[in-house]
Amino acid sequence: MATFVIEGGHKLHGSITPQGAKNEALQVLCAVLLTRETIVIDNLPNILDVNNLIDLLASMGVTVEKLSKGKFAFTAANLDTAYLRSADFLKKCNKLRGSVMLIGPLLARLGEVTYAKPGGDKIGRRRLDTHFQGMVNLGATFTYDQDLLAYRFTGKTLSGSYMLLDEASVTGTANIIMAAVLAKGITTIYNAACEPYIQQLCRMLNAMGAKIDGVGSNLLTIEGVKALHGAQHRLLPDMIEVGSFIGMAAITGSELRIKDCNPKIPFVHRTLSLCTSPLGIIPDAFRRLGIRIDEEGDDLVIPAQEHYQIESFLDGSILTVADAPWPGLTPDLLSVLLVVATQAKGSVLIHQKMFESRLFFVDKLIDMGAQIILCDPHANLSVTT
C-alpha cells in the first residue's frame, strides 16, 4: 500500500492544467456502443476508472486505438455477445461503478443485457431504481438471477414514453438517454439531471445523429432514430479537479493559475440560446469563503492571500453552504470547501444533503485541531475559526 509523507509550510506557484472530466468520460465511453462506426474521444484522463472501462470495452469486442495522449478511437462494430454473458464480464462490472451505464446502450443495441450490481465509493446509498425504472418505462423487463447475482434486462423493442424521474440522477439520466436515442417514438424526461457531463453526452450523441432537445435543462425530449454514426468529441476539464486546485492554492496561501478550465459552453433550448460556464457556482462558493479568484480568458488565477474572511448573509446570519443537483453546488467539493473553511476567519454551516456518509472524515480534522461541530452525523457541520 502506498504511503504519502507530506511536509507542510511550503508555498506553491506556477500553473496547472486539469485533466478531462472523469464523470463525463465514463458516460461517453459507454455511448460508443451505440454505433458500429468509429468514435474519437479526446482529453480522456489517465485514471484507473477510465482505464478499466476502456479495458472492459476492449474485452467486449470494441476495437480501441490510442491516437495520442488522452485521445482514443473506439469502433464497436462487432460485440462479443458470448463474453457479455460470461462470469468475467460480470466480475469486471461489479468492480467499476461507472459500468452501470452500459445497461442503456447495450439494451438499445442488442435488446438484452446481463449486469452485476456495481461497486463504487462508500459515500452512502447509491440506489439504482432510477436506472431500472427508466428501462421499464421504455418497455424493457428485468429479473434478478440469484445464482449469478446479476440482473437480466430484456427489451427487443424499446418505445419512447414520458417519464418523471424520482431523482435527478446523473448516471440514471445518462442511461435512459442512451437507451432512448434508438427507441421508437418520442421520449420525454422530466426532472432530468442537467450537469455539464449530461450536456456533453447529449452533444456527442447529437453529433452522432441523435435528436435530443432541451440540452442544459431538466426537461429533455428525445426523438428516436434508427441508427447512429461516428463522431469526434472532446471532454471538458474536470470541475472537481478545478475546485480541488482552488482549494489547494487557498489552503497553502499560494498563487496558482489553473489553465484552460473555464471555457464557455452553449446552452441551447427551444427558446433560449446563451453560453454558460461548466464550473457553475463553484468559483463563487470559494469566493464566499474569502478566496479571491480572477478570470483571465479561460484561465482562473488564485493570488496568494495571507488571510481569508468568510462572508455572512446580508442579514448578518451565518453563511450556509449546501450541495444540490446542478446548477447547485456539486457534493464532490464539499469536503474541499470544508477544509478551506478551517483556515478562514468566521463561521460557516456546511450541509451535506445528497450522500449521508460523506462527512464522517471530519473526526480526523478535529483530531488535528480544527474547530468543527458535527451537528448531525449525516448532514450538518459548523466550522468556526
Protein backbone atom coordinates (compact mmCIF):
# COMPACT_ATOMS: atom_id res chain seq x y z
CA MET A 1 0.00 0.00 0.00
CA ALA A 2 1.37 3.44 -0.93
CA THR A 3 2.40 5.89 1.78
CA PHE A 4 2.35 9.64 1.40
CA VAL A 5 4.64 11.78 3.58
CA ILE A 6 3.58 15.44 3.47
CA GLU A 7 5.81 18.24 4.72
CA GLY A 8 3.79 21.40 5.18
CA GLY A 9 4.77 25.05 5.25
CA HIS A 10 5.81 25.38 1.61
CA LYS A 11 4.25 27.81 -0.87
CA LEU A 12 3.12 26.59 -4.26
CA HIS A 13 3.45 28.53 -7.50
CA GLY A 14 3.05 28.15 -11.24
CA SER A 15 0.27 26.87 -13.46
CA ILE A 16 -1.57 23.58 -13.81
CA THR A 17 -3.99 22.16 -16.38
CA PRO A 18 -6.79 19.88 -15.17
CA GLN A 19 -7.48 16.56 -16.84
CA GLY A 20 -10.66 15.77 -18.71
CA ALA A 21 -13.75 15.14 -16.59
CA LYS A 22 -13.90 11.60 -15.23
CA ASN A 23 -17.69 11.51 -14.91
CA GLU A 24 -18.12 12.69 -18.49
CA ALA A 25 -15.55 10.16 -19.69
CA LEU A 26 -17.44 7.22 -18.18
CA GLN A 27 -20.66 8.32 -19.89
CA VAL A 28 -19.30 8.95 -23.38
CA LEU A 29 -17.20 5.77 -23.30
CA CYS A 30 -20.37 3.74 -22.73
CA ALA A 31 -22.04 5.63 -25.59
CA VAL A 32 -19.54 4.29 -28.16
CA LEU A 33 -21.52 1.03 -28.01
CA LEU A 34 -24.48 2.72 -29.73
CA THR A 35 -22.90 2.69 -33.19
CA ARG A 36 -20.84 0.38 -35.38
CA GLU A 37 -18.85 3.35 -36.66
CA THR A 38 -15.74 4.92 -35.13
CA ILE A 39 -15.97 7.40 -32.26
CA VAL A 40 -12.90 9.53 -31.45
CA ILE A 41 -12.73 10.89 -27.90
CA ASP A 42 -10.09 13.42 -26.86
CA ASN A 43 -8.86 14.61 -23.44
CA LEU A 44 -9.59 11.31 -21.67
CA PRO A 45 -7.99 11.35 -18.19
CA ASN A 46 -5.35 8.74 -17.42
CA ILE A 47 -7.02 7.41 -14.26
CA LEU A 48 -7.93 3.93 -13.03
CA ASP A 49 -11.72 4.05 -13.55
CA VAL A 50 -11.40 5.30 -17.11
CA ASN A 51 -8.62 2.85 -17.98
CA ASN A 52 -10.61 -0.03 -16.51
CA LEU A 53 -13.67 0.89 -18.56
CA ILE A 54 -11.56 1.12 -21.73
CA ASP A 55 -10.15 -2.35 -20.96
CA LEU A 56 -13.69 -3.65 -20.40
CA LEU A 57 -14.82 -2.24 -23.75
CA ALA A 58 -11.89 -3.98 -25.44
CA SER A 59 -12.86 -7.26 -23.76
CA MET A 60 -16.40 -6.78 -25.11
CA GLY A 61 -15.08 -6.70 -28.67
CA VAL A 62 -14.66 -2.94 -29.15
CA THR A 63 -11.59 -2.04 -31.21
CA VAL A 64 -9.58 0.50 -29.22
CA GLU A 65 -6.79 2.56 -30.80
CA LYS A 66 -4.71 5.09 -28.88
CA LEU A 67 -4.09 8.03 -31.23
CA SER A 68 -2.14 10.27 -28.86
CA LYS A 69 -2.05 11.22 -25.19
CA GLY A 70 -5.65 11.19 -23.97
CA LYS A 71 -7.05 10.63 -27.47
CA PHE A 72 -8.57 7.28 -28.47
CA ALA A 73 -10.63 5.85 -31.33
CA PHE A 74 -13.34 3.28 -30.50
CA THR A 75 -15.10 1.05 -33.02
CA ALA A 76 -17.87 -1.22 -31.70
CA ALA A 77 -18.64 -2.92 -35.00
CA ASN A 78 -18.68 -6.46 -33.63
CA LEU A 79 -19.55 -7.06 -29.99
CA ASP A 80 -18.68 -10.38 -28.35
CA THR A 81 -22.12 -11.45 -27.15
CA ALA A 82 -20.72 -14.61 -25.55
CA TYR A 83 -18.37 -12.53 -23.40
CA LEU A 84 -21.29 -10.31 -22.35
CA ARG A 85 -22.81 -13.40 -20.70
CA SER A 86 -19.57 -14.53 -19.06
CA ALA A 87 -18.57 -14.52 -15.41
CA ASP A 88 -15.56 -12.34 -16.23
CA PHE A 89 -17.82 -9.61 -17.65
CA LEU A 90 -19.97 -9.64 -14.51
CA LYS A 91 -16.90 -9.58 -12.29
CA LYS A 92 -15.43 -6.54 -14.05
CA CYS A 93 -18.78 -4.72 -13.95
CA ASN A 94 -19.01 -5.37 -10.22
CA LYS A 95 -15.69 -3.63 -9.63
CA LEU A 96 -16.50 -0.49 -11.64
CA ARG A 97 -19.29 1.86 -10.59
CA GLY A 98 -19.46 3.58 -13.96
CA SER A 99 -20.21 0.29 -15.71
CA VAL A 100 -23.86 0.71 -14.71
CA MET A 101 -24.16 2.98 -17.76
CA LEU A 102 -23.53 0.00 -20.03
CA ILE A 103 -27.13 -1.10 -19.46
CA GLY A 104 -28.77 1.57 -21.63
CA PRO A 105 -26.56 1.32 -24.72
CA LEU A 106 -26.35 -2.50 -24.65
CA LEU A 107 -30.11 -2.80 -24.25
CA ALA A 108 -30.65 -0.37 -27.14
CA ARG A 109 -28.08 -2.12 -29.32
CA LEU A 110 -28.68 -5.80 -28.53
CA GLY A 111 -32.10 -5.93 -26.90
CA GLU A 112 -30.76 -7.68 -23.80
CA VAL A 113 -28.05 -7.40 -21.17
CA THR A 114 -26.99 -9.22 -18.01
CA TYR A 115 -25.45 -6.95 -15.42
CA ALA A 116 -23.95 -7.38 -11.94
CA LYS A 117 -24.60 -4.86 -9.19
CA PRO A 118 -21.74 -2.31 -9.36
CA GLY A 119 -19.34 -1.36 -6.61
CA GLY A 120 -18.03 2.17 -6.02
CA ASP A 121 -17.00 4.66 -3.36
CA LYS A 122 -18.51 4.22 0.09
CA ILE A 123 -20.20 7.60 0.34
CA GLY A 124 -23.68 6.42 1.23
CA ARG A 125 -26.54 4.67 -0.52
CA ARG A 126 -26.41 4.89 -4.30
CA ARG A 127 -29.58 3.17 -5.43
CA LEU A 128 -30.27 2.02 -8.98
CA ASP A 129 -34.04 2.45 -9.02
CA THR A 130 -33.92 5.42 -11.43
CA HIS A 131 -31.85 3.41 -13.92
CA PHE A 132 -34.10 0.36 -13.77
CA GLN A 133 -37.41 2.24 -13.82
CA GLY A 134 -36.21 4.20 -16.83
CA MET A 135 -35.59 0.97 -18.75
CA VAL A 136 -39.04 -0.31 -17.71
CA ASN A 137 -40.63 2.94 -18.92
CA LEU A 138 -39.06 2.31 -22.32
CA GLY A 139 -40.59 -1.16 -22.47
CA ALA A 140 -37.87 -3.39 -21.02
CA THR A 141 -38.31 -6.02 -18.33
CA PHE A 142 -35.78 -7.18 -15.77
CA THR A 143 -35.36 -10.06 -13.37
CA TYR A 144 -32.76 -10.94 -10.76
CA ASP A 145 -30.72 -14.11 -11.20
CA GLN A 146 -29.91 -15.38 -7.72
CA ASP A 147 -27.31 -17.83 -8.99
CA LEU A 148 -25.35 -15.21 -10.96
CA LEU A 149 -26.13 -12.40 -8.51
CA ALA A 150 -26.97 -10.34 -11.58
CA TYR A 151 -29.87 -8.55 -13.26
CA ARG A 152 -31.21 -9.66 -16.64
CA PHE A 153 -32.74 -6.96 -18.85
CA THR A 154 -34.76 -7.74 -21.98
CA GLY A 155 -36.19 -5.20 -24.38
CA LYS A 156 -36.16 -6.28 -28.01
CA THR A 157 -38.27 -3.28 -28.99
CA LEU A 158 -37.91 -0.12 -26.91
CA SER A 159 -40.55 2.58 -27.27
CA GLY A 160 -40.41 6.20 -26.24
CA SER A 161 -42.51 7.40 -23.31
CA TYR A 162 -42.99 10.27 -20.88
CA MET A 163 -41.25 9.82 -17.55
CA LEU A 164 -40.84 11.92 -14.42
CA LEU A 165 -37.66 10.78 -12.68
CA ASP A 166 -37.93 10.18 -8.92
CA GLU A 167 -34.49 11.78 -8.51
CA ALA A 168 -32.27 13.81 -10.81
CA SER A 169 -29.69 11.03 -11.01
CA VAL A 170 -26.77 11.88 -13.31
CA THR A 171 -25.89 8.32 -14.25
CA GLY A 172 -29.57 7.35 -14.31
CA THR A 173 -30.35 10.17 -16.73
CA ALA A 174 -27.37 9.19 -18.89
CA ASN A 175 -28.51 5.56 -19.00
CA ILE A 176 -32.04 6.48 -20.03
CA ILE A 177 -30.82 8.93 -22.69
CA MET A 178 -28.57 6.29 -24.26
CA ALA A 179 -31.41 3.75 -24.36
CA ALA A 180 -33.93 6.29 -25.69
CA VAL A 181 -31.91 7.60 -28.65
CA LEU A 182 -32.54 4.33 -30.53
CA ALA A 183 -36.07 3.71 -29.18
CA LYS A 184 -39.13 4.13 -31.39
CA GLY A 185 -41.02 7.39 -30.96
CA ILE A 186 -40.61 10.29 -28.55
CA THR A 187 -39.16 10.07 -25.05
CA THR A 188 -39.68 12.97 -22.64
CA ILE A 189 -37.58 13.00 -19.46
CA TYR A 190 -38.66 15.45 -16.78
CA ASN A 191 -36.52 16.09 -13.69
CA ALA A 192 -33.54 15.00 -15.77
CA ALA A 193 -30.07 15.74 -14.43
CA CYS A 194 -28.54 18.65 -16.34
CA GLU A 195 -24.90 18.61 -15.16
CA PRO A 196 -22.26 19.56 -17.74
CA TYR A 197 -21.48 15.82 -18.04
CA ILE A 198 -25.04 15.15 -19.25
CA GLN A 199 -24.92 18.16 -21.57
CA GLN A 200 -21.71 16.86 -23.11
CA LEU A 201 -23.13 13.37 -23.55
CA CYS A 202 -26.13 14.85 -25.36
CA ARG A 203 -23.89 16.95 -27.60
CA MET A 204 -21.86 13.90 -28.57
CA LEU A 205 -24.99 11.85 -29.26
CA ASN A 206 -26.45 14.68 -31.37
CA ALA A 207 -23.18 14.78 -33.31
CA MET A 208 -23.70 11.02 -33.89
CA GLY A 209 -27.15 11.69 -35.36
CA ALA A 210 -29.40 11.57 -32.29
CA LYS A 211 -32.25 14.05 -31.88
CA ILE A 212 -32.14 15.44 -28.34
CA ASP A 213 -33.75 18.76 -27.44
CA GLY A 214 -33.55 20.68 -24.17
CA VAL A 215 -29.83 20.13 -23.58
CA GLY A 216 -28.84 22.04 -20.45
CA SER A 217 -32.31 21.93 -18.89
CA ASN A 218 -34.12 19.38 -16.73
CA LEU A 219 -36.64 18.63 -19.49
CA LEU A 220 -35.24 16.54 -22.32
CA THR A 221 -37.13 15.47 -25.43
CA ILE A 222 -35.62 12.65 -27.46
CA GLU A 223 -36.84 11.52 -30.86
CA GLY A 224 -35.57 8.03 -31.51
CA VAL A 225 -33.58 7.32 -34.66
CA LYS A 226 -32.85 4.05 -36.46
CA ALA A 227 -29.05 4.27 -36.27
CA LEU A 228 -26.20 6.47 -35.12
CA HIS A 229 -22.93 7.19 -36.91
CA GLY A 230 -19.36 8.09 -35.97
CA ALA A 231 -18.28 11.40 -34.45
CA GLN A 232 -15.49 13.20 -32.63
CA HIS A 233 -15.78 14.52 -29.09
CA ARG A 234 -13.56 16.37 -26.61
CA LEU A 235 -14.10 16.20 -22.86
CA LEU A 236 -14.49 19.27 -20.68
CA PRO A 237 -11.92 19.89 -17.93
CA ASP A 238 -12.84 18.13 -14.69
CA MET A 239 -14.63 20.64 -12.46
CA ILE A 240 -13.80 18.54 -9.39
CA GLU A 241 -10.09 18.86 -10.18
CA VAL A 242 -10.52 22.58 -10.76
CA GLY A 243 -12.22 23.01 -7.38
CA SER A 244 -9.54 20.89 -5.72
CA PHE A 245 -6.79 23.05 -7.23
CA ILE A 246 -8.56 26.20 -5.97
CA GLY A 247 -8.66 24.65 -2.52
CA MET A 248 -5.01 23.62 -2.77
CA ALA A 249 -3.96 27.19 -3.54
CA ALA A 250 -6.14 28.59 -0.76
CA ILE A 251 -5.08 26.15 1.95
CA THR A 252 -1.38 26.88 1.29
CA GLY A 253 -1.77 30.63 0.74
CA SER A 254 -0.25 30.25 -2.72
CA GLU A 255 -0.63 31.84 -6.11
CA LEU A 256 -1.77 29.41 -8.78
CA ARG A 257 -3.02 29.62 -12.36
CA ILE A 258 -5.45 26.92 -13.47
CA LYS A 259 -5.27 26.83 -17.25
CA ASP A 260 -7.97 26.18 -19.83
CA CYS A 261 -10.53 25.31 -17.18
CA ASN A 262 -13.34 27.80 -17.71
CA PRO A 263 -14.49 27.63 -21.34
CA LYS A 264 -17.93 28.94 -22.18
CA ILE A 265 -20.25 26.23 -23.50
CA PRO A 266 -23.56 26.75 -25.34
CA PHE A 267 -26.88 26.26 -23.60
CA VAL A 268 -29.44 25.61 -26.31
CA HIS A 269 -33.16 25.16 -25.65
CA ARG A 270 -36.32 25.71 -27.64
CA THR A 271 -36.49 29.35 -26.61
CA LEU A 272 -33.02 30.03 -25.15
CA SER A 273 -29.54 30.36 -26.56
CA LEU A 274 -26.66 31.53 -24.38
CA CYS A 275 -23.26 30.48 -23.09
CA THR A 276 -22.56 29.22 -19.59
CA SER A 277 -19.50 28.15 -17.63
CA PRO A 278 -19.11 24.41 -16.95
CA LEU A 279 -17.91 25.39 -13.46
CA GLY A 280 -21.30 26.81 -12.47
CA ILE A 281 -21.26 28.31 -8.96
CA ILE A 282 -18.06 26.55 -7.86
CA PRO A 283 -15.83 29.67 -8.03
CA ASP A 284 -18.43 31.75 -6.19
CA ALA A 285 -18.67 29.15 -3.41
CA PHE A 286 -14.94 29.60 -2.75
CA ARG A 287 -15.25 33.37 -3.04
CA ARG A 288 -17.80 33.35 -0.22
CA LEU A 289 -15.11 31.83 1.99
CA GLY A 290 -12.89 34.84 1.19
CA ILE A 291 -10.86 33.28 -1.64
CA ARG A 292 -10.04 35.70 -4.43
CA ILE A 293 -10.41 34.16 -7.89
CA ASP A 294 -9.66 36.15 -11.04
CA GLU A 295 -10.76 35.12 -14.52
CA GLU A 296 -8.33 35.66 -17.38
CA GLY A 297 -9.75 34.21 -20.59
CA ASP A 298 -10.32 30.52 -19.95
CA ASP A 299 -7.87 30.55 -17.01
CA LEU A 300 -8.58 31.01 -13.31
CA VAL A 301 -5.91 32.81 -11.26
CA ILE A 302 -5.84 32.46 -7.47
CA PRO A 303 -3.48 35.09 -5.99
CA ALA A 304 -1.63 34.49 -2.72
CA GLN A 305 -3.52 35.74 0.33
CA GLU A 306 -2.48 35.96 3.96
CA HIS A 307 -5.97 35.73 5.42
CA TYR A 308 -9.46 34.70 4.37
CA GLN A 309 -12.68 36.11 5.81
CA ILE A 310 -15.87 34.07 5.49
CA GLU A 311 -18.81 36.16 4.33
CA SER A 312 -22.09 36.39 6.21
CA PHE A 313 -25.52 36.59 4.64
CA LEU A 314 -26.88 40.10 4.09
CA ASP A 315 -28.94 39.91 7.29
CA GLY A 316 -25.82 39.07 9.29
CA SER A 317 -26.61 35.39 9.76
CA ILE A 318 -24.01 32.63 9.40
CA LEU A 319 -23.18 31.59 5.84
CA THR A 320 -24.65 28.22 4.84
CA VAL A 321 -23.08 26.08 2.11
CA ALA A 322 -25.07 23.10 0.86
CA ASP A 323 -24.82 20.66 -2.02
CA ALA A 324 -27.60 20.32 -4.57
CA PRO A 325 -28.22 18.89 -8.05
CA TRP A 326 -26.89 21.05 -10.88
CA PRO A 327 -26.88 24.01 -11.19
CA GLY A 328 -26.40 23.80 -7.43
CA LEU A 329 -23.07 23.05 -5.77
CA THR A 330 -21.64 19.62 -6.54
CA PRO A 331 -21.36 17.41 -3.43
CA ASP A 332 -17.91 16.26 -4.55
CA LEU A 333 -16.39 19.59 -3.46
CA LEU A 334 -17.99 19.98 -0.02
CA SER A 335 -15.04 18.26 1.65
CA VAL A 336 -12.60 20.64 -0.08
CA LEU A 337 -14.64 23.68 0.95
CA LEU A 338 -14.80 22.34 4.49
CA VAL A 339 -11.02 22.04 4.79
CA VAL A 340 -10.51 25.51 3.30
CA ALA A 341 -13.01 26.92 5.82
CA THR A 342 -10.86 25.69 8.72
CA GLN A 343 -8.18 28.19 7.63
CA ALA A 344 -10.52 31.18 7.27
CA LYS A 345 -11.82 33.66 9.84
CA GLY A 346 -15.51 33.41 10.69
CA SER A 347 -18.11 30.65 10.78
CA VAL A 348 -19.93 28.61 8.14
CA LEU A 349 -22.61 25.93 8.31
CA ILE A 350 -21.96 23.15 5.82
CA HIS A 351 -24.93 20.98 4.95
CA GLN A 352 -24.41 17.66 3.13
CA LYS A 353 -27.79 16.65 1.71
CA MET A 354 -27.08 14.15 -1.04
CA PHE A 355 -24.79 11.49 0.48
CA GLU A 356 -25.20 10.64 4.13
CA SER A 357 -21.74 9.13 4.74
CA ARG A 358 -19.53 11.80 3.25
CA LEU A 359 -18.76 13.89 6.33
CA PHE A 360 -17.52 11.29 8.78
CA PHE A 361 -13.91 12.12 7.91
CA VAL A 362 -14.15 15.35 9.93
CA ASP A 363 -13.18 13.46 13.08
CA LYS A 364 -9.65 13.37 11.68
CA LEU A 365 -9.69 17.14 11.17
CA ILE A 366 -10.91 17.66 14.73
CA ASP A 367 -8.01 15.49 15.96
CA MET A 368 -5.70 17.87 14.05
CA GLY A 369 -7.13 20.88 15.87
CA ALA A 370 -9.95 22.02 13.57
CA GLN A 371 -12.83 23.77 15.34
CA ILE A 372 -15.73 21.80 13.89
CA ILE A 373 -19.02 20.87 15.50
CA LEU A 374 -20.71 17.84 13.96
CA CYS A 375 -24.31 18.99 14.35
CA ASP A 376 -25.77 15.94 12.60
CA PRO A 377 -23.63 12.94 11.65
CA HIS A 378 -25.49 12.70 8.35
CA ALA A 379 -25.86 16.29 7.30
CA ASN A 380 -24.64 19.44 9.06
CA LEU A 381 -21.30 20.82 10.17
CA SER A 382 -20.47 24.06 11.87
CA VAL A 383 -16.92 25.32 11.19
CA THR A 384 -15.59 28.19 13.28
CA THR A 385 -12.10 29.66 13.14
